[in-house]
Amino acid sequence: MTPELIISIFFLIFKTWWWLFLPIIFYFPAVYLYLDWIRWDVWYPKKKWVILEIIPPGEITKPFRATEDLFSSLWALYSSPNWRGKWCEGELPVASAWFSWEILGFEGNVHFYLRLPDDQRKYAETIIQAHYPETEIFEVDDYVKNIPQDIPNNIYDLKAEDYILRTKDYFPIKTYKFFEPSTPELIKEGEKKIDPFSSLMEAMTKLQKGEQFWFQIVSSPITNKDIPWVDEAKKEINKIAQRPGGAKKGKSIIQEVIDILIFNIFSSGSSEKSAESKTQITPGEKDILTAIEEKISKNAFKTNIRALYIYQKDVYDASHAAIARNYFQHFSTANLNTIVLYAQTRTKIQYWFRDRRLYASKRSIFEKYVKRFPPLYPAMTGKGNMILNIEELATIFHFPIQTNILSSGVPRIMSRRATPPGNLPMG
């Protein structure tokens, strides 16, 4: 059969049955365009958003676990859209609760904000004040509207970065447990916990007139059903533990690691063949296994983090552009994970039409900050996002332990609120 005959047969089949192939060819593009339209042009504009400013107390005596429990309580707002919600109403798959925790550094003053859907406001306020009763919360206008919306322009310019995890989501970053006294004896001796968040506050108070620093953590509760990160973590655990068949039923990963270590200690007199058949786990691998299992044991949020340094062109300070990047170094570990910049959306262009592409990059990341969109909008998951559990979120964002020892630019409530005595006369 000649090639010409094969081609003629192919075109004859296509000419006769084109109506059957056409829907198959255009099915996936049509689904993508439909979901994009109903989600972002129908569902999203209907949502009413509010901006809450939060003023914390001057001194917080509660441990970091209080903030972790706060995030755990907010995770309870999770819900997954059903068939009607997804296809008829346009509900986003991982945005049942959409919290944007934000810090504004404005010419040496610092403000804390929470942007969320209006129908979740009362619940969030109740949770925050239940954990920090002296906190003041009130609705304000969106601060992003206080500067020209056409930047970069002749007066203002910006540098901006999105942030991601250096490696897989199931590897944890260094959390607040590493910054607290490790034993009760050290607490009795007066050793105090370290709060890296204070370094972020101090850096923001150094901003001069004409400088602003915007810091944004957008988080939405998820489960393994939404993003199968726990399944991936278990595969990694089996890989590190050299167990291709998976974990034995009825035992946790840590229990099996301990069993292996005990076997290695007490089986030194066994035959060489028996010893070689058993898995060898190094202390470093054991630490990694423990860290991964601890991370996946807690509720998690799909998270994207973004920072913008906005400045008048005559007051640019390169060190202020790196405030967030320097802050994240506190949570870096060589064997687990760290938070790094996402090169794909960074406002730095190396080659080809640099000026035009740089302007487009700055406009894009500025608009995504204003709208609280993910880095690769309209995609809600995948590259540019990370998964942080409640312990990691509480480490990165919490209220300063002692604002009264920080610069006056950090907001605080200095007086304690007390309930009135019960014997007051009623007028």
Protein backbone atom coordinates (compact mmCIF):
# COMPACT_ATOMS: atom_id res chain seq x y z
CA MET A 1 0.00 0.00 0.00
CA THR A 2 1.51 3.28 -1.12
CA PRO A 3 1.71 6.39 1.09
CA GLU A 4 -0.58 8.25 -1.32
CA LEU A 5 -3.25 5.58 -0.89
CA ILE A 6 -2.96 5.69 2.92
CA ILE A 7 -3.38 9.46 2.91
CA SER A 8 -6.39 9.30 0.61
CA ILE A 9 -8.04 6.68 2.84
CA PHE A 10 -7.39 8.83 5.92
CA PHE A 11 -8.98 11.90 4.35
CA LEU A 12 -11.92 9.85 3.14
CA ILE A 13 -12.57 8.59 6.68
CA PHE A 14 -12.20 12.08 8.14
CA LYS A 15 -14.49 13.57 5.47
CA THR A 16 -17.17 11.03 6.31
CA TRP A 17 -16.83 10.93 10.12
CA TRP A 18 -15.56 14.45 10.95
CA TRP A 19 -18.65 15.15 13.07
CA LEU A 20 -17.60 12.32 15.39
CA PHE A 21 -13.98 13.45 15.84
CA LEU A 22 -14.70 17.17 16.26
CA PRO A 23 -16.33 16.96 19.74
CA ILE A 24 -13.47 14.75 20.95
CA ILE A 25 -10.86 17.22 19.71
CA PHE A 26 -12.51 20.28 21.26
CA TYR A 27 -13.83 18.69 24.48
CA PHE A 28 -10.93 19.57 26.80
CA PRO A 29 -10.41 23.15 25.50
CA ALA A 30 -14.16 23.73 25.83
CA VAL A 31 -14.21 22.45 29.42
CA TYR A 32 -11.22 24.63 30.34
CA LEU A 33 -12.77 27.78 28.84
CA TYR A 34 -16.17 27.09 30.42
CA LEU A 35 -14.75 26.56 33.91
CA ASP A 36 -12.55 29.63 33.56
CA TRP A 37 -15.57 31.72 32.60
CA ILE A 38 -18.01 30.47 35.23
CA ARG A 39 -15.44 30.65 38.02
CA TRP A 40 -13.84 34.02 37.42
CA ASP A 41 -16.57 35.90 35.52
CA VAL A 42 -19.63 34.53 37.32
CA TRP A 43 -18.80 33.11 40.78
CA TYR A 44 -15.90 35.32 41.87
CA PRO A 45 -17.53 38.74 41.15
CA LYS A 46 -20.51 37.74 43.31
CA LYS A 47 -18.31 37.33 46.38
CA LYS A 48 -18.28 40.26 48.77
CA TRP A 49 -14.90 40.79 50.41
CA VAL A 50 -14.00 42.72 53.55
CA ILE A 51 -10.71 44.01 54.92
CA LEU A 52 -10.23 43.76 58.68
CA GLU A 53 -7.44 45.59 60.47
CA ILE A 54 -6.14 43.75 63.51
CA ILE A 55 -4.37 45.52 66.38
CA PRO A 56 -2.74 42.98 68.73
CA PRO A 57 -2.09 43.48 72.45
CA GLY A 58 1.21 44.96 73.59
CA GLU A 59 2.32 41.67 75.13
CA ILE A 60 1.25 38.14 74.26
CA THR A 61 1.97 35.51 76.90
CA LYS A 62 0.32 32.65 75.06
CA PRO A 63 2.57 30.17 73.23
CA PHE A 64 2.77 29.91 69.45
CA ARG A 65 0.44 26.93 69.74
CA ALA A 66 -2.38 29.43 70.27
CA THR A 67 -1.91 30.74 66.73
CA GLU A 68 -1.65 27.17 65.47
CA ASP A 69 -4.99 26.40 67.11
CA LEU A 70 -6.40 29.57 65.55
CA PHE A 71 -5.53 28.29 62.08
CA SER A 72 -6.89 24.87 63.01
CA SER A 73 -10.22 26.47 63.94
CA LEU A 74 -10.34 28.42 60.68
CA TRP A 75 -9.61 25.23 58.76
CA ALA A 76 -13.05 24.03 59.90
CA LEU A 77 -14.57 26.31 57.24
CA TYR A 78 -13.37 23.86 54.60
CA SER A 79 -15.95 22.50 52.20
CA SER A 80 -15.67 20.86 48.81
CA PRO A 81 -18.04 21.92 46.01
CA ASN A 82 -20.49 19.29 44.78
CA TRP A 83 -21.34 18.69 41.13
CA ARG A 84 -23.81 21.57 40.97
CA GLY A 85 -21.45 23.93 42.76
CA LYS A 86 -18.60 23.17 40.37
CA TRP A 87 -20.39 23.05 37.01
CA CYS A 88 -23.44 25.29 37.50
CA GLU A 89 -22.32 27.90 40.03
CA GLY A 90 -18.57 27.99 39.38
CA GLU A 91 -17.29 27.37 42.91
CA LEU A 92 -13.52 27.16 42.98
CA PRO A 93 -12.22 23.71 43.96
CA VAL A 94 -9.80 24.85 46.70
CA ALA A 95 -11.23 28.18 47.82
CA SER A 96 -14.10 27.32 50.16
CA ALA A 97 -12.42 29.63 52.67
CA TRP A 98 -10.07 32.23 51.23
CA PHE A 99 -8.00 34.05 53.84
CA SER A 100 -5.39 36.64 52.97
CA TRP A 101 -3.19 37.50 55.96
CA GLU A 102 -1.37 40.72 55.15
CA ILE A 103 1.17 43.06 56.68
CA LEU A 104 1.63 46.60 55.44
CA GLY A 105 4.82 48.49 56.15
CA PHE A 106 4.16 52.15 55.37
CA GLU A 107 6.94 54.68 55.91
CA GLY A 108 7.96 53.10 59.22
CA ASN A 109 4.49 52.10 60.45
CA VAL A 110 3.16 48.53 60.44
CA HIS A 111 -0.43 47.34 60.04
CA PHE A 112 -1.97 43.85 60.18
CA TYR A 113 -4.88 42.98 57.90
CA LEU A 114 -7.10 40.04 57.10
CA ARG A 115 -9.03 39.95 53.84
CA LEU A 116 -11.79 37.34 53.62
CA PRO A 117 -15.35 36.76 52.32
CA ASP A 118 -17.94 38.78 54.20
CA ASP A 119 -20.01 35.70 55.07
CA GLN A 120 -17.03 34.27 57.00
CA ARG A 121 -16.20 37.48 58.84
CA LYS A 122 -18.10 36.90 62.10
CA TYR A 123 -16.70 33.42 62.52
CA ALA A 124 -13.13 34.60 61.91
CA GLU A 125 -13.49 37.53 64.33
CA THR A 126 -14.86 35.20 67.00
CA ILE A 127 -11.96 32.78 66.58
CA ILE A 128 -9.29 35.49 66.68
CA GLN A 129 -10.71 37.17 69.77
CA ALA A 130 -11.26 33.84 71.50
CA HIS A 131 -7.53 33.19 71.21
CA TYR A 132 -6.43 36.81 71.78
CA PRO A 133 -9.22 38.55 73.75
CA GLU A 134 -7.44 41.92 73.94
CA THR A 135 -7.12 42.20 70.17
CA GLU A 136 -9.08 44.94 68.41
CA ILE A 137 -10.60 44.21 65.00
CA PHE A 138 -12.43 46.64 62.75
CA GLU A 139 -13.32 46.95 59.08
CA VAL A 140 -11.29 49.35 56.94
CA ASP A 141 -10.95 50.33 53.31
CA ASP A 142 -8.53 48.32 51.23
CA TYR A 143 -5.09 49.90 51.60
CA VAL A 144 -4.03 48.85 48.10
CA LYS A 145 -6.26 51.63 46.74
CA ASN A 146 -4.21 54.30 48.48
CA ILE A 147 -1.58 54.41 45.75
CA PRO A 148 -1.92 54.98 41.99
CA GLN A 149 -3.21 51.84 40.33
CA ASP A 150 -1.09 52.37 37.22
CA ILE A 151 2.28 51.70 38.82
CA PRO A 152 5.00 51.44 37.74
CA ASN A 153 4.72 55.04 36.59
CA ASN A 154 6.85 58.19 36.55
CA ILE A 155 6.79 58.50 40.36
CA TYR A 156 6.41 54.99 41.78
CA ASP A 157 8.16 51.75 40.95
CA LEU A 158 8.12 48.31 42.52
CA LYS A 159 10.03 45.09 43.02
CA ALA A 160 8.03 41.97 43.77
CA GLU A 161 8.41 38.25 44.33
CA ASP A 162 6.23 35.20 44.81
CA TYR A 163 7.59 32.45 47.05
CA ILE A 164 7.53 28.67 46.88
CA LEU A 165 9.00 25.73 48.74
CA ARG A 166 12.42 24.66 47.50
CA THR A 167 11.41 21.00 47.26
CA LYS A 168 8.28 18.86 47.67
CA ASP A 169 5.38 20.16 49.78
CA TYR A 170 5.55 17.31 52.29
CA PHE A 171 9.03 18.31 53.47
CA PRO A 172 8.47 20.79 56.35
CA ILE A 173 10.25 24.04 57.05
CA LYS A 174 11.75 24.85 60.44
CA THR A 175 8.86 25.72 62.77
CA TYR A 176 8.42 27.55 66.05
CA LYS A 177 9.37 24.45 68.06
CA PHE A 178 13.00 25.06 67.07
CA PHE A 179 12.87 28.55 68.60
CA GLU A 180 11.48 27.55 71.99
CA PRO A 181 13.40 26.22 75.03
CA SER A 182 13.80 22.50 74.45
CA THR A 183 13.35 21.34 78.07
CA PRO A 184 11.45 22.48 81.21
CA GLU A 185 14.81 22.96 82.92
CA LEU A 186 15.85 25.60 80.39
CA ILE A 187 12.56 27.41 80.92
CA LYS A 188 13.18 27.47 84.68
CA GLU A 189 16.66 28.84 84.06
CA GLY A 190 15.12 31.77 82.25
CA GLU A 191 15.79 30.86 78.62
CA LYS A 192 13.21 32.56 76.45
CA LYS A 193 11.79 31.64 73.09
CA ILE A 194 13.08 33.39 70.00
CA ASP A 195 10.60 35.08 67.70
CA PRO A 196 11.94 35.55 64.14
CA PHE A 197 8.78 37.52 63.39
CA SER A 198 10.30 40.41 65.35
CA SER A 199 13.02 40.73 62.71
CA LEU A 200 10.34 41.21 60.04
CA MET A 201 8.66 43.88 62.15
CA GLU A 202 11.92 45.72 62.78
CA ALA A 203 12.79 45.67 59.09
CA MET A 204 9.43 47.17 58.17
CA THR A 205 9.79 49.96 60.72
CA LYS A 206 13.00 51.03 58.95
CA LEU A 207 11.09 52.05 55.82
CA GLN A 208 11.49 55.73 55.02
CA LYS A 209 9.09 58.27 53.57
CA GLY A 210 8.05 57.19 50.10
CA GLU A 211 8.59 53.46 50.82
CA GLN A 212 6.01 50.72 51.37
CA PHE A 213 6.34 46.98 51.85
CA TRP A 214 3.34 44.72 51.25
CA PHE A 215 3.45 41.15 52.57
CA GLN A 216 0.66 38.71 51.69
CA ILE A 217 -0.12 35.12 52.70
CA VAL A 218 -3.19 33.77 50.88
CA SER A 219 -4.38 30.47 52.35
CA SER A 220 -7.25 28.09 51.68
CA PRO A 221 -7.94 24.86 53.63
CA ILE A 222 -7.47 21.65 51.68
CA THR A 223 -7.56 17.90 52.13
CA ASN A 224 -5.64 15.10 50.48
CA LYS A 225 -8.64 14.62 48.20
CA ASP A 226 -8.12 18.09 46.71
CA ILE A 227 -4.35 17.78 46.33
CA PRO A 228 -2.95 14.27 47.00
CA TRP A 229 0.12 15.54 48.83
CA VAL A 230 -0.28 13.07 51.71
CA ASP A 231 -0.23 10.15 49.27
CA GLU A 232 2.98 11.54 47.77
CA ALA A 233 4.44 11.89 51.26
CA LYS A 234 3.74 8.24 52.06
CA LYS A 235 5.47 7.19 48.84
CA GLU A 236 8.49 9.25 49.86
CA ILE A 237 8.47 7.69 53.33
CA ASN A 238 8.45 4.21 51.82
CA LYS A 239 11.26 5.21 49.48
CA ILE A 240 13.45 6.56 52.27
CA ALA A 241 12.68 3.59 54.49
CA GLN A 242 13.47 1.29 51.54
CA ARG A 243 10.13 -0.45 51.74
CA PRO A 244 8.84 -0.93 48.18
CA GLY A 245 5.93 -2.98 49.44
CA GLY A 246 4.66 -0.20 51.68
CA ALA A 247 4.13 -0.06 55.42
CA LYS A 248 2.82 -3.03 57.33
CA LYS A 249 -0.80 -2.76 58.27
CA GLY A 250 -1.44 -1.72 61.85
CA LYS A 251 1.91 0.04 62.41
CA SER A 252 2.81 3.66 61.89
CA ILE A 253 5.89 4.70 59.97
CA ILE A 254 7.68 5.74 63.17
CA GLN A 255 6.91 2.39 64.85
CA GLU A 256 8.39 0.53 61.92
CA VAL A 257 11.52 2.70 61.95
CA ILE A 258 11.96 1.99 65.68
CA ASP A 259 11.50 -1.74 65.05
CA ILE A 260 14.21 -1.62 62.40
CA LEU A 261 16.61 0.27 64.69
CA ILE A 262 16.00 -2.17 67.56
CA PHE A 263 16.57 -5.09 65.24
CA ASN A 264 19.88 -3.61 64.06
CA ILE A 265 21.07 -3.23 67.67
CA PHE A 266 20.16 -6.70 68.93
CA SER A 267 20.89 -8.70 65.82
CA SER A 268 24.64 -8.00 65.60
CA GLY A 269 25.37 -11.65 66.33
CA SER A 270 23.05 -12.96 63.62
CA SER A 271 24.23 -14.30 60.34
CA GLU A 272 25.62 -11.87 57.77
CA LYS A 273 22.93 -12.86 55.32
CA SER A 274 20.14 -12.02 57.77
CA ALA A 275 21.71 -8.65 58.61
CA GLU A 276 22.04 -7.66 54.98
CA SER A 277 18.39 -8.47 54.34
CA LYS A 278 17.19 -5.84 56.80
CA THR A 279 16.75 -2.14 56.06
CA GLN A 280 19.39 0.22 57.41
CA ILE A 281 18.10 3.65 58.53
CA THR A 282 20.59 6.40 59.31
CA PRO A 283 19.89 8.96 62.07
CA GLY A 284 19.45 11.65 59.41
CA GLU A 285 16.90 9.57 57.53
CA LYS A 286 15.05 8.89 60.76
CA ASP A 287 14.80 12.66 61.38
CA ILE A 288 13.43 13.19 57.88
CA LEU A 289 10.86 10.42 58.27
CA THR A 290 9.72 11.84 61.60
CA ALA A 291 9.46 15.37 60.20
CA ILE A 292 7.41 14.29 57.18
CA GLU A 293 5.01 12.23 59.26
CA GLU A 294 4.55 15.09 61.72
CA LYS A 295 3.73 17.50 58.89
CA ILE A 296 1.12 15.30 57.24
CA SER A 297 -0.50 14.58 60.62
CA LYS A 298 -1.87 18.14 60.81
CA ASN A 299 -4.44 20.02 58.75
CA ALA A 300 -3.01 22.01 55.87
CA PHE A 301 -3.69 25.03 53.69
CA LYS A 302 -2.95 25.62 50.03
CA THR A 303 -0.84 28.75 50.33
CA ASN A 304 0.77 31.36 48.14
CA ILE A 305 3.02 34.07 49.54
CA ARG A 306 3.88 37.34 47.83
CA ALA A 307 5.84 40.47 48.74
CA LEU A 308 5.90 43.88 47.04
CA TYR A 309 8.38 46.66 47.73
CA ILE A 310 6.82 49.88 46.42
CA TYR A 311 8.92 53.02 46.41
CA GLN A 312 9.25 56.48 44.99
CA LYS A 313 12.07 56.36 42.50
CA ASP A 314 14.30 58.75 44.43
CA VAL A 315 14.29 56.71 47.70
CA TYR A 316 15.02 53.16 46.51
CA ASP A 317 16.82 50.94 49.05
CA ALA A 318 17.96 47.51 47.78
CA SER A 319 18.02 46.01 51.29
CA HIS A 320 14.32 46.78 51.75
CA ALA A 321 13.45 44.90 48.58
CA ALA A 322 14.82 41.72 50.22
CA ILE A 323 12.94 41.99 53.54
CA ALA A 324 10.77 38.92 52.97
CA ARG A 325 13.59 36.86 51.50
CA ASN A 326 15.78 37.56 54.53
CA TYR A 327 12.91 36.73 56.88
CA PHE A 328 12.39 33.29 55.35
CA GLN A 329 15.99 32.32 56.01
CA HIS A 330 15.05 31.79 59.67
CA PHE A 331 13.02 28.73 58.62
CA SER A 332 15.56 27.16 56.30
CA THR A 333 16.94 23.64 56.75
CA ALA A 334 19.46 21.87 54.55
CA ASN A 335 17.90 18.41 54.83
CA LEU A 336 14.20 19.35 54.73
CA ASN A 337 12.79 22.51 53.17
CA THR A 338 12.96 26.27 52.89
CA ILE A 339 10.99 29.06 51.25
CA VAL A 340 12.59 30.56 48.15
CA LEU A 341 11.56 33.04 45.48
CA TYR A 342 9.61 31.83 42.45
CA ALA A 343 11.77 32.81 39.48
CA GLN A 344 8.95 32.60 36.93
CA THR A 345 7.06 35.62 38.33
CA ARG A 346 9.96 37.61 39.76
CA THR A 347 10.23 41.20 38.52
CA LYS A 348 13.62 40.66 36.94
CA ILE A 349 14.18 40.03 33.24
CA GLN A 350 17.52 38.91 31.83
CA TYR A 351 17.05 38.67 28.06
CA TRP A 352 14.96 39.77 25.06
CA PHE A 353 12.78 42.91 25.14
CA ARG A 354 13.75 43.50 28.75
CA ASP A 355 12.00 46.84 29.32
CA ARG A 356 8.68 45.76 27.85
CA ARG A 357 8.67 42.37 29.57
CA LEU A 358 9.73 43.89 32.90
CA TYR A 359 6.86 46.38 32.77
CA ALA A 360 4.40 43.57 31.96
CA SER A 361 5.78 41.46 34.82
CA LYS A 362 5.40 44.30 37.33
CA ARG A 363 1.86 45.05 36.21
CA SER A 364 0.91 41.38 36.44
CA ILE A 365 2.18 40.76 39.96
CA PHE A 366 0.75 44.07 41.21
CA GLU A 367 -2.72 43.22 39.88
CA LYS A 368 -2.55 39.72 41.36
CA TYR A 369 -1.67 41.18 44.75
CA VAL A 370 -4.59 43.61 44.57
CA LYS A 371 -7.02 40.83 43.61
CA ARG A 372 -5.34 38.23 45.87
CA PHE A 373 -4.96 35.87 42.93
CA PRO A 374 -2.52 32.92 42.76
CA PRO A 375 0.78 33.38 40.88
CA LEU A 376 -0.31 31.49 37.76
CA TYR A 377 -3.93 32.69 37.70
CA PRO A 378 -6.36 31.25 36.66
CA ALA A 379 -4.71 28.02 37.88
CA MET A 380 -5.46 27.63 41.59
CA THR A 381 -3.01 24.80 42.25
CA GLY A 382 0.30 23.59 40.91
CA LYS A 383 3.40 25.68 40.38
CA GLY A 384 3.70 28.88 42.38
CA ASN A 385 1.71 27.49 45.31
CA MET A 386 2.78 25.56 48.37
CA ILE A 387 1.15 23.43 51.05
CA LEU A 388 1.77 24.52 54.63
CA ASN A 389 0.22 22.89 57.66
CA ILE A 390 -1.15 24.85 60.59
CA GLU A 391 2.13 24.67 62.52
CA GLU A 392 4.09 26.13 59.61
CA LEU A 393 1.54 28.90 59.06
CA ALA A 394 1.62 29.82 62.74
CA THR A 395 5.40 30.04 62.51
CA ILE A 396 5.40 32.41 59.54
CA PHE A 397 2.46 34.59 60.58
CA HIS A 398 1.50 35.39 64.16
CA PHE A 399 1.25 38.47 66.30
CA PRO A 400 4.48 39.75 67.86
CA ILE A 401 5.18 38.40 71.34
CA GLN A 402 6.17 41.78 72.77
CA THR A 403 5.32 44.77 70.63
CA ASN A 404 6.17 47.07 73.53
CA ILE A 405 9.89 46.36 73.01
CA LEU A 406 9.69 46.91 69.26
CA SER A 407 9.71 50.19 67.41
CA SER A 408 6.75 52.50 67.95
CA GLY A 409 5.71 51.84 64.35
CA VAL A 410 4.38 48.38 65.29
CA PRO A 411 0.71 48.60 66.40
CA ARG A 412 -0.28 47.39 69.83
CA ILE A 413 -3.01 47.67 72.49
CA MET A 414 -1.20 48.84 75.61
CA SER A 415 -4.04 48.72 78.15
CA ARG A 416 -5.80 45.55 79.20
CA ARG A 417 -9.55 45.39 78.91
CA ALA A 418 -11.32 44.19 82.05
CA THR A 419 -14.91 43.14 82.62
CA PRO A 420 -16.93 45.46 84.89
CA PRO A 421 -17.65 44.28 88.45
CA GLY A 422 -20.93 42.52 88.94
CA ASN A 423 -22.15 44.84 91.75
CA LEU A 424 -22.43 48.00 89.63
CA PRO A 425 -25.81 49.74 90.12
CA MET A 426 -28.12 49.52 87.13
CA GLY A 427 -29.58 52.86 86.03
